[in-house]
Amino acid sequence: MEDDALNDDLAPLMVAPDTTTPRVFGILNIIFSLLAGCASIYALAMAIFLPIMAQTMEEASQEDKAFNAQQLEDLQQQLQAATTEEENEEISTQIEELELEAEIEVPNPFLAMNNPTMNFYGIIDGSTGLFFNLIMFVTGVGLLVRKEWARKLAIWTAALKIVRLLILQSINMVYIIPIQAKGMQEMYKQMDVGGQGQGPDMSQMASMQGGMMMAWAVVMLIGGCVYPALSIWFLSRPGVQATCQLENIESDQVE
């Protein structure tokens, strides 16, 4: 039994240790986890605060409409009480300006993009991304000191990040992007003053942006899988495994 245990401990020495790869991927894991973690925090914050911002802007818009309506009522009373032609013309001009301003519908981009399905997706995307990037950061620190547990955890994390990306981006392309495109189309319709075609071509702009979002989702899906796949490949190589296992052996011997 003692001979078998000795052979297991010496097995990593039969492969040339690779000390560079764990260090490189340790640094990259730390850098990428911090960058992706910031993006996850942003997605999570937007999903949480978007309904609040949409409601706040909508309330502000309603207050502006009420204020304009009150001003119009006051001006109408002043117009009836006007005694000179000059006062009549001045008040009439102010009424026309307020009526024209009331006809202009200011789009609420937050309200247009506020959707329970999108918000729920954003919360899942942001929270899971933050979780995996936190683990990725921990594995990066562990890889810098060539720990075997960090190597194994980094491989599992990379694999799960690929699975997560495939699932979320598939949902994004099938369900979320069409909802976003519809929301933008509604927002652009509000920009078309009076429906007279004075704004941009609504259907064309919505289609173009929907296509751009779909293309970006594909890029994110493919590009997002590259680094995790490389991590799995390089961290599974015998030289890296030998280095991390040898570090564990040396640590056990010191203890």
C-alpha atoms as a PDB file:
ATOM      1  CA  MET A   1       0.000   0.000   0.000  1.00  0.00           C
ATOM      2  CA  GLU A   2       2.824   2.405   0.852  1.00  0.00           C
ATOM      3  CA  ASP A   3       4.472   1.701  -2.544  1.00  0.00           C
ATOM      4  CA  ASP A   4       1.213   2.501  -4.366  1.00  0.00           C
ATOM      5  CA  ALA A   5       0.826   5.806  -2.515  1.00  0.00           C
ATOM      6  CA  LEU A   6       4.438   6.697  -3.321  1.00  0.00           C
ATOM      7  CA  ASN A   7       3.886   5.954  -7.024  1.00  0.00           C
ATOM      8  CA  ASP A   8       0.759   8.146  -7.087  1.00  0.00           C
ATOM      9  CA  ASP A   9       2.689  11.052  -5.563  1.00  0.00           C
ATOM     10  CA  LEU A  10       5.537  10.692  -8.037  1.00  0.00           C
ATOM     11  CA  ALA A  11       3.240  10.332 -11.090  1.00  0.00           C
ATOM     12  CA  PRO A  12       3.195  14.081 -11.857  1.00  0.00           C
ATOM     13  CA  LEU A  13       6.981  14.054 -12.055  1.00  0.00           C
ATOM     14  CA  MET A  14       6.800  11.760 -15.116  1.00  0.00           C
ATOM     15  CA  VAL A  15       5.399  14.677 -17.157  1.00  0.00           C
ATOM     16  CA  ALA A  16       7.307  17.889 -17.765  1.00  0.00           C
ATOM     17  CA  PRO A  17       5.678  20.530 -15.551  1.00  0.00           C
ATOM     18  CA  ASP A  18       4.195  23.578 -17.225  1.00  0.00           C
ATOM     19  CA  THR A  19       4.342  26.521 -14.829  1.00  0.00           C
ATOM     20  CA  THR A  20       3.607  29.223 -17.418  1.00  0.00           C
ATOM     21  CA  THR A  21       0.082  28.203 -18.447  1.00  0.00           C
ATOM     22  CA  PRO A  22      -1.450  28.271 -14.932  1.00  0.00           C
ATOM     23  CA  ARG A  23       0.087  31.684 -14.328  1.00  0.00           C
ATOM     24  CA  VAL A  24      -1.156  33.077 -17.656  1.00  0.00           C
ATOM     25  CA  PHE A  25      -4.694  31.761 -17.204  1.00  0.00           C
ATOM     26  CA  GLY A  26      -4.654  32.900 -13.593  1.00  0.00           C
ATOM     27  CA  ILE A  27      -3.987  36.469 -14.710  1.00  0.00           C
ATOM     28  CA  LEU A  28      -6.508  36.243 -17.565  1.00  0.00           C
ATOM     29  CA  ASN A  29      -9.171  34.804 -15.264  1.00  0.00           C
ATOM     30  CA  ILE A  30      -8.743  37.714 -12.876  1.00  0.00           C
ATOM     31  CA  ILE A  31      -8.855  40.320 -15.660  1.00  0.00           C
ATOM     32  CA  PHE A  32     -11.796  38.791 -17.560  1.00  0.00           C
ATOM     33  CA  SER A  33     -13.770  38.114 -14.392  1.00  0.00           C
ATOM     34  CA  LEU A  34     -13.479  41.756 -13.338  1.00  0.00           C
ATOM     35  CA  LEU A  35     -14.490  43.061 -16.778  1.00  0.00           C
ATOM     36  CA  ALA A  36     -17.351  40.591 -17.217  1.00  0.00           C
ATOM     37  CA  GLY A  37     -18.368  41.135 -13.602  1.00  0.00           C
ATOM     38  CA  CYS A  38     -18.838  44.852 -14.279  1.00  0.00           C
ATOM     39  CA  ALA A  39     -21.020  44.004 -17.284  1.00  0.00           C
ATOM     40  CA  SER A  40     -23.066  41.624 -15.117  1.00  0.00           C
ATOM     41  CA  ILE A  41     -23.559  44.293 -12.459  1.00  0.00           C
ATOM     42  CA  TYR A  42     -24.706  46.726 -15.165  1.00  0.00           C
ATOM     43  CA  ALA A  43     -27.204  44.199 -16.593  1.00  0.00           C
ATOM     44  CA  LEU A  44     -28.520  43.409 -13.119  1.00  0.00           C
ATOM     45  CA  ALA A  45     -28.836  47.094 -12.191  1.00  0.00           C
ATOM     46  CA  MET A  46     -30.673  47.905 -15.431  1.00  0.00           C
ATOM     47  CA  ALA A  47     -33.119  45.040 -14.903  1.00  0.00           C
ATOM     48  CA  ILE A  48     -33.843  46.208 -11.349  1.00  0.00           C
ATOM     49  CA  PHE A  49     -33.966  49.983 -11.870  1.00  0.00           C
ATOM     50  CA  LEU A  50     -35.469  50.140 -15.386  1.00  0.00           C
ATOM     51  CA  PRO A  51     -39.074  49.839 -14.114  1.00  0.00           C
ATOM     52  CA  ILE A  52     -38.349  52.566 -11.543  1.00  0.00           C
ATOM     53  CA  MET A  53     -36.853  54.893 -14.162  1.00  0.00           C
ATOM     54  CA  ALA A  54     -39.742  54.204 -16.548  1.00  0.00           C
ATOM     55  CA  GLN A  55     -42.319  54.988 -13.863  1.00  0.00           C
ATOM     56  CA  THR A  56     -40.475  58.130 -12.761  1.00  0.00           C
ATOM     57  CA  MET A  57     -40.247  59.491 -16.299  1.00  0.00           C
ATOM     58  CA  GLU A  58     -43.893  58.648 -16.969  1.00  0.00           C
ATOM     59  CA  GLU A  59     -44.990  60.499 -13.816  1.00  0.00           C
ATOM     60  CA  ALA A  60     -42.873  63.498 -14.840  1.00  0.00           C
ATOM     61  CA  SER A  61     -44.517  63.453 -18.275  1.00  0.00           C
ATOM     62  CA  GLN A  62     -47.992  63.354 -16.740  1.00  0.00           C
ATOM     63  CA  GLU A  63     -47.106  66.271 -14.450  1.00  0.00           C
ATOM     64  CA  ASP A  64     -45.913  68.289 -17.453  1.00  0.00           C
ATOM     65  CA  LYS A  65     -49.168  67.569 -19.275  1.00  0.00           C
ATOM     66  CA  ALA A  66     -51.212  68.616 -16.254  1.00  0.00           C
ATOM     67  CA  PHE A  67     -49.160  71.807 -15.906  1.00  0.00           C
ATOM     68  CA  ASN A  68     -49.640  72.662 -19.605  1.00  0.00           C
ATOM     69  CA  ALA A  69     -53.361  71.995 -19.332  1.00  0.00           C
ATOM     70  CA  GLN A  70     -53.586  74.344 -16.368  1.00  0.00           C
ATOM     71  CA  GLN A  71     -51.635  77.003 -18.261  1.00  0.00           C
ATOM     72  CA  LEU A  72     -54.010  76.675 -21.225  1.00  0.00           C
ATOM     73  CA  GLU A  73     -56.998  77.070 -18.961  1.00  0.00           C
ATOM     74  CA  ASP A  74     -55.485  80.180 -17.374  1.00  0.00           C
ATOM     75  CA  LEU A  75     -54.674  81.662 -20.787  1.00  0.00           C
ATOM     76  CA  GLN A  76     -58.209  80.993 -22.024  1.00  0.00           C
ATOM     77  CA  GLN A  77     -59.537  82.937 -19.062  1.00  0.00           C
ATOM     78  CA  GLN A  78     -57.070  85.754 -19.730  1.00  0.00           C
ATOM     79  CA  LEU A  79     -58.144  85.781 -23.387  1.00  0.00           C
ATOM     80  CA  GLN A  80     -61.774  86.238 -22.418  1.00  0.00           C
ATOM     81  CA  ALA A  81     -60.810  89.065 -20.092  1.00  0.00           C
ATOM     82  CA  ALA A  82     -58.546  90.815 -22.661  1.00  0.00           C
ATOM     83  CA  THR A  83     -59.593  94.369 -23.394  1.00  0.00           C
ATOM     84  CA  THR A  84     -57.191  95.327 -26.200  1.00  0.00           C
ATOM     85  CA  GLU A  85     -56.330  93.832 -29.547  1.00  0.00           C
ATOM     86  CA  GLU A  86     -52.657  93.666 -28.576  1.00  0.00           C
ATOM     87  CA  GLU A  87     -53.413  91.595 -25.470  1.00  0.00           C
ATOM     88  CA  ASN A  88     -55.687  89.372 -27.526  1.00  0.00           C
ATOM     89  CA  GLU A  89     -52.963  88.611 -30.083  1.00  0.00           C
ATOM     90  CA  GLU A  90     -50.282  88.016 -27.451  1.00  0.00           C
ATOM     91  CA  ILE A  91     -52.410  85.589 -25.458  1.00  0.00           C
ATOM     92  CA  SER A  92     -53.587  83.825 -28.629  1.00  0.00           C
ATOM     93  CA  THR A  93     -49.964  83.287 -29.666  1.00  0.00           C
ATOM     94  CA  GLN A  94     -49.137  81.782 -26.278  1.00  0.00           C
ATOM     95  CA  ILE A  95     -52.150  79.470 -26.546  1.00  0.00           C
ATOM     96  CA  GLU A  96     -51.084  78.276 -30.000  1.00  0.00           C
ATOM     97  CA  GLU A  97     -47.559  77.559 -28.781  1.00  0.00           C
ATOM     98  CA  LEU A  98     -48.830  75.560 -25.800  1.00  0.00           C
ATOM     99  CA  GLU A  99     -51.268  73.603 -27.972  1.00  0.00           C
ATOM    100  CA  LEU A 100     -48.473  72.774 -30.415  1.00  0.00           C
ATOM    101  CA  GLU A 101     -46.230  71.697 -27.546  1.00  0.00           C
ATOM    102  CA  ALA A 102     -48.999  69.481 -26.160  1.00  0.00           C
ATOM    103  CA  GLU A 103     -49.323  67.689 -29.521  1.00  0.00           C
ATOM    104  CA  ILE A 104     -45.663  66.668 -29.475  1.00  0.00           C
ATOM    105  CA  GLU A 105     -45.379  63.298 -27.769  1.00  0.00           C
ATOM    106  CA  VAL A 106     -42.005  62.952 -26.069  1.00  0.00           C
ATOM    107  CA  PRO A 107     -41.045  59.252 -26.177  1.00  0.00           C
ATOM    108  CA  ASN A 108     -40.188  57.514 -22.930  1.00  0.00           C
ATOM    109  CA  PRO A 109     -37.345  55.117 -23.851  1.00  0.00           C
ATOM    110  CA  PHE A 110     -37.451  53.486 -20.425  1.00  0.00           C
ATOM    111  CA  LEU A 111     -41.177  52.792 -20.706  1.00  0.00           C
ATOM    112  CA  ALA A 112     -40.774  51.449 -24.242  1.00  0.00           C
ATOM    113  CA  MET A 113     -38.075  49.006 -23.129  1.00  0.00           C
ATOM    114  CA  ASN A 114     -39.704  48.137 -19.793  1.00  0.00           C
ATOM    115  CA  ASN A 115     -41.092  44.607 -20.031  1.00  0.00           C
ATOM    116  CA  PRO A 116     -41.474  42.020 -17.224  1.00  0.00           C
ATOM    117  CA  THR A 117     -40.005  39.248 -19.384  1.00  0.00           C
ATOM    118  CA  MET A 118     -36.980  41.361 -20.306  1.00  0.00           C
ATOM    119  CA  ASN A 119     -36.484  42.460 -16.706  1.00  0.00           C
ATOM    120  CA  PHE A 120     -36.627  38.874 -15.443  1.00  0.00           C
ATOM    121  CA  TYR A 121     -34.150  37.810 -18.134  1.00  0.00           C
ATOM    122  CA  GLY A 122     -31.840  40.662 -17.146  1.00  0.00           C
ATOM    123  CA  ILE A 123     -31.933  39.625 -13.488  1.00  0.00           C
ATOM    124  CA  ILE A 124     -31.120  35.996 -14.344  1.00  0.00           C
ATOM    125  CA  ASP A 125     -28.398  37.055 -16.780  1.00  0.00           C
ATOM    126  CA  GLY A 126     -26.807  39.534 -14.389  1.00  0.00           C
ATOM    127  CA  SER A 127     -26.993  37.410 -11.224  1.00  0.00           C
ATOM    128  CA  THR A 128     -25.683  34.196 -12.802  1.00  0.00           C
ATOM    129  CA  GLY A 129     -22.956  36.129 -14.612  1.00  0.00           C
ATOM    130  CA  LEU A 130     -21.902  37.781 -11.369  1.00  0.00           C
ATOM    131  CA  PHE A 131     -21.837  34.417  -9.595  1.00  0.00           C
ATOM    132  CA  PHE A 132     -19.688  32.651 -12.187  1.00  0.00           C
ATOM    133  CA  ASN A 133     -17.334  35.607 -12.571  1.00  0.00           C
ATOM    134  CA  LEU A 134     -16.803  35.667  -8.818  1.00  0.00           C
ATOM    135  CA  ILE A 135     -15.821  31.997  -8.943  1.00  0.00           C
ATOM    136  CA  MET A 136     -13.645  32.730 -11.968  1.00  0.00           C
ATOM    137  CA  PHE A 137     -11.821  35.420  -9.986  1.00  0.00           C
ATOM    138  CA  VAL A 138     -11.184  32.962  -7.140  1.00  0.00           C
ATOM    139  CA  THR A 139      -9.824  30.355  -9.552  1.00  0.00           C
ATOM    140  CA  GLY A 140      -7.573  32.995 -11.096  1.00  0.00           C
ATOM    141  CA  VAL A 141      -5.993  33.694  -7.719  1.00  0.00           C
ATOM    142  CA  GLY A 142      -5.626  29.954  -7.090  1.00  0.00           C
ATOM    143  CA  LEU A 143      -4.025  29.352 -10.475  1.00  0.00           C
ATOM    144  CA  LEU A 144      -1.390  31.995  -9.770  1.00  0.00           C
ATOM    145  CA  VAL A 145      -0.133  29.800  -6.942  1.00  0.00           C
ATOM    146  CA  ARG A 146      -0.710  26.635  -9.013  1.00  0.00           C
ATOM    147  CA  LYS A 147      -3.343  24.980  -6.829  1.00  0.00           C
ATOM    148  CA  GLU A 148      -4.944  21.787  -8.108  1.00  0.00           C
ATOM    149  CA  TRP A 149      -8.353  22.712  -6.710  1.00  0.00           C
ATOM    150  CA  ALA A 150      -8.189  25.978  -8.662  1.00  0.00           C
ATOM    151  CA  ARG A 151      -7.349  24.150 -11.891  1.00  0.00           C
ATOM    152  CA  LYS A 152     -10.280  21.752 -11.503  1.00  0.00           C
ATOM    153  CA  LEU A 153     -12.670  24.505 -10.454  1.00  0.00           C
ATOM    154  CA  ALA A 154     -11.560  26.683 -13.354  1.00  0.00           C
ATOM    155  CA  ILE A 155     -12.330  23.875 -15.813  1.00  0.00           C
ATOM    156  CA  TRP A 156     -15.777  23.264 -14.315  1.00  0.00           C
ATOM    157  CA  THR A 157     -16.513  26.990 -14.238  1.00  0.00           C
ATOM    158  CA  ALA A 158     -15.501  27.384 -17.885  1.00  0.00           C
ATOM    159  CA  ALA A 159     -17.750  24.473 -18.886  1.00  0.00           C
ATOM    160  CA  LEU A 160     -20.708  25.878 -16.952  1.00  0.00           C
ATOM    161  CA  LYS A 161     -20.131  29.337 -18.437  1.00  0.00           C
ATOM    162  CA  ILE A 162     -20.416  27.827 -21.927  1.00  0.00           C
ATOM    163  CA  VAL A 163     -23.662  26.047 -20.974  1.00  0.00           C
ATOM    164  CA  ARG A 164     -25.021  29.248 -19.409  1.00  0.00           C
ATOM    165  CA  LEU A 165     -24.105  31.281 -22.484  1.00  0.00           C
ATOM    166  CA  LEU A 166     -25.744  28.808 -24.862  1.00  0.00           C
ATOM    167  CA  ILE A 167     -28.980  28.786 -22.857  1.00  0.00           C
ATOM    168  CA  LEU A 168     -29.234  32.526 -22.232  1.00  0.00           C
ATOM    169  CA  GLN A 169     -28.269  33.632 -25.731  1.00  0.00           C
ATOM    170  CA  SER A 170     -30.736  31.154 -27.242  1.00  0.00           C
ATOM    171  CA  ILE A 171     -33.494  32.639 -25.068  1.00  0.00           C
ATOM    172  CA  ASN A 172     -32.260  36.109 -25.992  1.00  0.00           C
ATOM    173  CA  MET A 173     -32.444  35.475 -29.727  1.00  0.00           C
ATOM    174  CA  VAL A 174     -35.786  33.652 -29.646  1.00  0.00           C
ATOM    175  CA  TYR A 175     -37.735  35.726 -27.108  1.00  0.00           C
ATOM    176  CA  ILE A 176     -35.948  38.843 -25.831  1.00  0.00           C
ATOM    177  CA  ILE A 177     -34.731  40.491 -29.042  1.00  0.00           C
ATOM    178  CA  PRO A 178     -38.211  40.400 -30.684  1.00  0.00           C
ATOM    179  CA  ILE A 179     -39.626  42.085 -27.560  1.00  0.00           C
ATOM    180  CA  GLN A 180     -36.890  44.741 -27.709  1.00  0.00           C
ATOM    181  CA  ALA A 181     -37.539  45.337 -31.421  1.00  0.00           C
ATOM    182  CA  LYS A 182     -41.252  45.762 -30.778  1.00  0.00           C
ATOM    183  CA  GLY A 183     -40.532  48.215 -27.942  1.00  0.00           C
ATOM    184  CA  MET A 184     -38.270  50.290 -30.189  1.00  0.00           C
ATOM    185  CA  GLN A 185     -40.886  50.300 -32.921  1.00  0.00           C
ATOM    186  CA  GLU A 186     -43.444  51.702 -30.470  1.00  0.00           C
ATOM    187  CA  MET A 187     -40.956  54.344 -29.358  1.00  0.00           C
ATOM    188  CA  TYR A 188     -40.237  55.384 -32.945  1.00  0.00           C
ATOM    189  CA  LYS A 189     -43.953  55.702 -33.632  1.00  0.00           C
ATOM    190  CA  GLN A 190     -44.137  58.267 -30.850  1.00  0.00           C
ATOM    191  CA  MET A 191     -41.349  60.196 -32.565  1.00  0.00           C
ATOM    192  CA  ASP A 192     -43.426  60.412 -35.764  1.00  0.00           C
ATOM    193  CA  VAL A 193     -45.130  63.717 -34.936  1.00  0.00           C
ATOM    194  CA  GLY A 194     -48.832  63.493 -35.617  1.00  0.00           C
ATOM    195  CA  GLY A 195     -48.313  60.368 -37.683  1.00  0.00           C
ATOM    196  CA  GLN A 196     -47.516  62.484 -40.721  1.00  0.00           C
ATOM    197  CA  GLY A 197     -44.297  60.721 -41.640  1.00  0.00           C
ATOM    198  CA  GLN A 198     -42.162  63.528 -40.252  1.00  0.00           C
ATOM    199  CA  GLY A 199     -40.090  61.081 -38.231  1.00  0.00           C
ATOM    200  CA  PRO A 200     -37.834  58.285 -39.480  1.00  0.00           C
ATOM    201  CA  ASP A 201     -39.118  55.177 -41.208  1.00  0.00           C
ATOM    202  CA  MET A 202     -40.326  53.248 -38.153  1.00  0.00           C
ATOM    203  CA  SER A 203     -40.487  49.724 -39.543  1.00  0.00           C
ATOM    204  CA  GLN A 204     -37.146  50.038 -41.308  1.00  0.00           C
ATOM    205  CA  MET A 205     -35.320  51.404 -38.266  1.00  0.00           C
ATOM    206  CA  ALA A 206     -36.822  48.779 -35.944  1.00  0.00           C
ATOM    207  CA  SER A 207     -35.895  46.005 -38.393  1.00  0.00           C
ATOM    208  CA  MET A 208     -32.344  47.295 -38.753  1.00  0.00           C
ATOM    209  CA  GLN A 209     -31.803  47.516 -35.009  1.00  0.00           C
ATOM    210  CA  GLY A 210     -33.410  44.123 -34.470  1.00  0.00           C
ATOM    211  CA  GLY A 211     -31.028  42.646 -37.039  1.00  0.00           C
ATOM    212  CA  MET A 212     -28.058  44.353 -35.379  1.00  0.00           C
ATOM    213  CA  MET A 213     -29.057  42.982 -31.979  1.00  0.00           C
ATOM    214  CA  MET A 214     -29.439  39.502 -33.437  1.00  0.00           C
ATOM    215  CA  ALA A 215     -26.000  39.726 -35.073  1.00  0.00           C
ATOM    216  CA  TRP A 216     -24.474  40.974 -31.818  1.00  0.00           C
ATOM    217  CA  ALA A 217     -26.077  38.067 -29.939  1.00  0.00           C
ATOM    218  CA  VAL A 218     -24.428  35.622 -32.354  1.00  0.00           C
ATOM    219  CA  VAL A 219     -21.074  37.374 -31.904  1.00  0.00           C
ATOM    220  CA  MET A 220     -21.475  37.241 -28.122  1.00  0.00           C
ATOM    221  CA  LEU A 221     -22.392  33.558 -28.280  1.00  0.00           C
ATOM    222  CA  ILE A 222     -19.401  32.584 -30.403  1.00  0.00           C
ATOM    223  CA  GLY A 223     -16.910  34.994 -28.860  1.00  0.00           C
ATOM    224  CA  GLY A 224     -18.049  34.244 -25.325  1.00  0.00           C
ATOM    225  CA  CYS A 225     -17.347  30.532 -25.764  1.00  0.00           C
ATOM    226  CA  VAL A 226     -13.782  30.998 -27.034  1.00  0.00           C
ATOM    227  CA  TYR A 227     -11.996  31.787 -23.784  1.00  0.00           C
ATOM    228  CA  PRO A 228     -13.823  29.150 -21.659  1.00  0.00           C
ATOM    229  CA  ALA A 229     -13.072  26.540 -24.352  1.00  0.00           C
ATOM    230  CA  LEU A 230      -9.394  27.536 -24.380  1.00  0.00           C
ATOM    231  CA  SER A 231      -9.340  27.371 -20.580  1.00  0.00           C
ATOM    232  CA  ILE A 232     -10.686  23.825 -20.611  1.00  0.00           C
ATOM    233  CA  TRP A 233      -8.189  22.777 -23.277  1.00  0.00           C
ATOM    234  CA  PHE A 234      -5.039  24.286 -21.772  1.00  0.00           C
ATOM    235  CA  LEU A 235      -5.804  23.612 -18.116  1.00  0.00           C
ATOM    236  CA  SER A 236      -6.499  19.943 -18.909  1.00  0.00           C
ATOM    237  CA  ARG A 237      -3.054  19.391 -20.453  1.00  0.00           C
ATOM    238  CA  PRO A 238      -0.799  16.936 -18.610  1.00  0.00           C
ATOM    239  CA  GLY A 239       1.941  19.496 -17.978  1.00  0.00           C
ATOM    240  CA  VAL A 240      -0.461  21.869 -16.215  1.00  0.00           C
ATOM    241  CA  GLN A 241      -1.998  19.013 -14.260  1.00  0.00           C
ATOM    242  CA  ALA A 242       1.448  17.822 -13.248  1.00  0.00           C
ATOM    243  CA  THR A 243       2.443  21.304 -12.070  1.00  0.00           C
ATOM    244  CA  CYS A 244      -0.647  21.774  -9.912  1.00  0.00           C
ATOM    245  CA  GLN A 245      -0.493  18.254  -8.494  1.00  0.00           C
ATOM    246  CA  LEU A 246       3.211  18.685  -7.730  1.00  0.00           C
ATOM    247  CA  GLU A 247       2.419  21.917  -5.872  1.00  0.00           C
ATOM    248  CA  ASN A 248      -0.123  20.004  -3.782  1.00  0.00           C
ATOM    249  CA  ILE A 249       2.449  17.295  -3.023  1.00  0.00           C
ATOM    250  CA  GLU A 250       5.029  19.857  -1.944  1.00  0.00           C
ATOM    251  CA  SER A 251       2.459  21.631   0.238  1.00  0.00           C
ATOM    252  CA  ASP A 252       1.497  18.339   1.908  1.00  0.00           C
ATOM    253  CA  GLN A 253       5.120  17.519   2.537  1.00  0.00           C
ATOM    254  CA  VAL A 254       5.718  20.919   4.149  1.00  0.00           C
ATOM    255  CA  GLU A 255       2.731  20.405   6.426  1.00  0.00           C
END
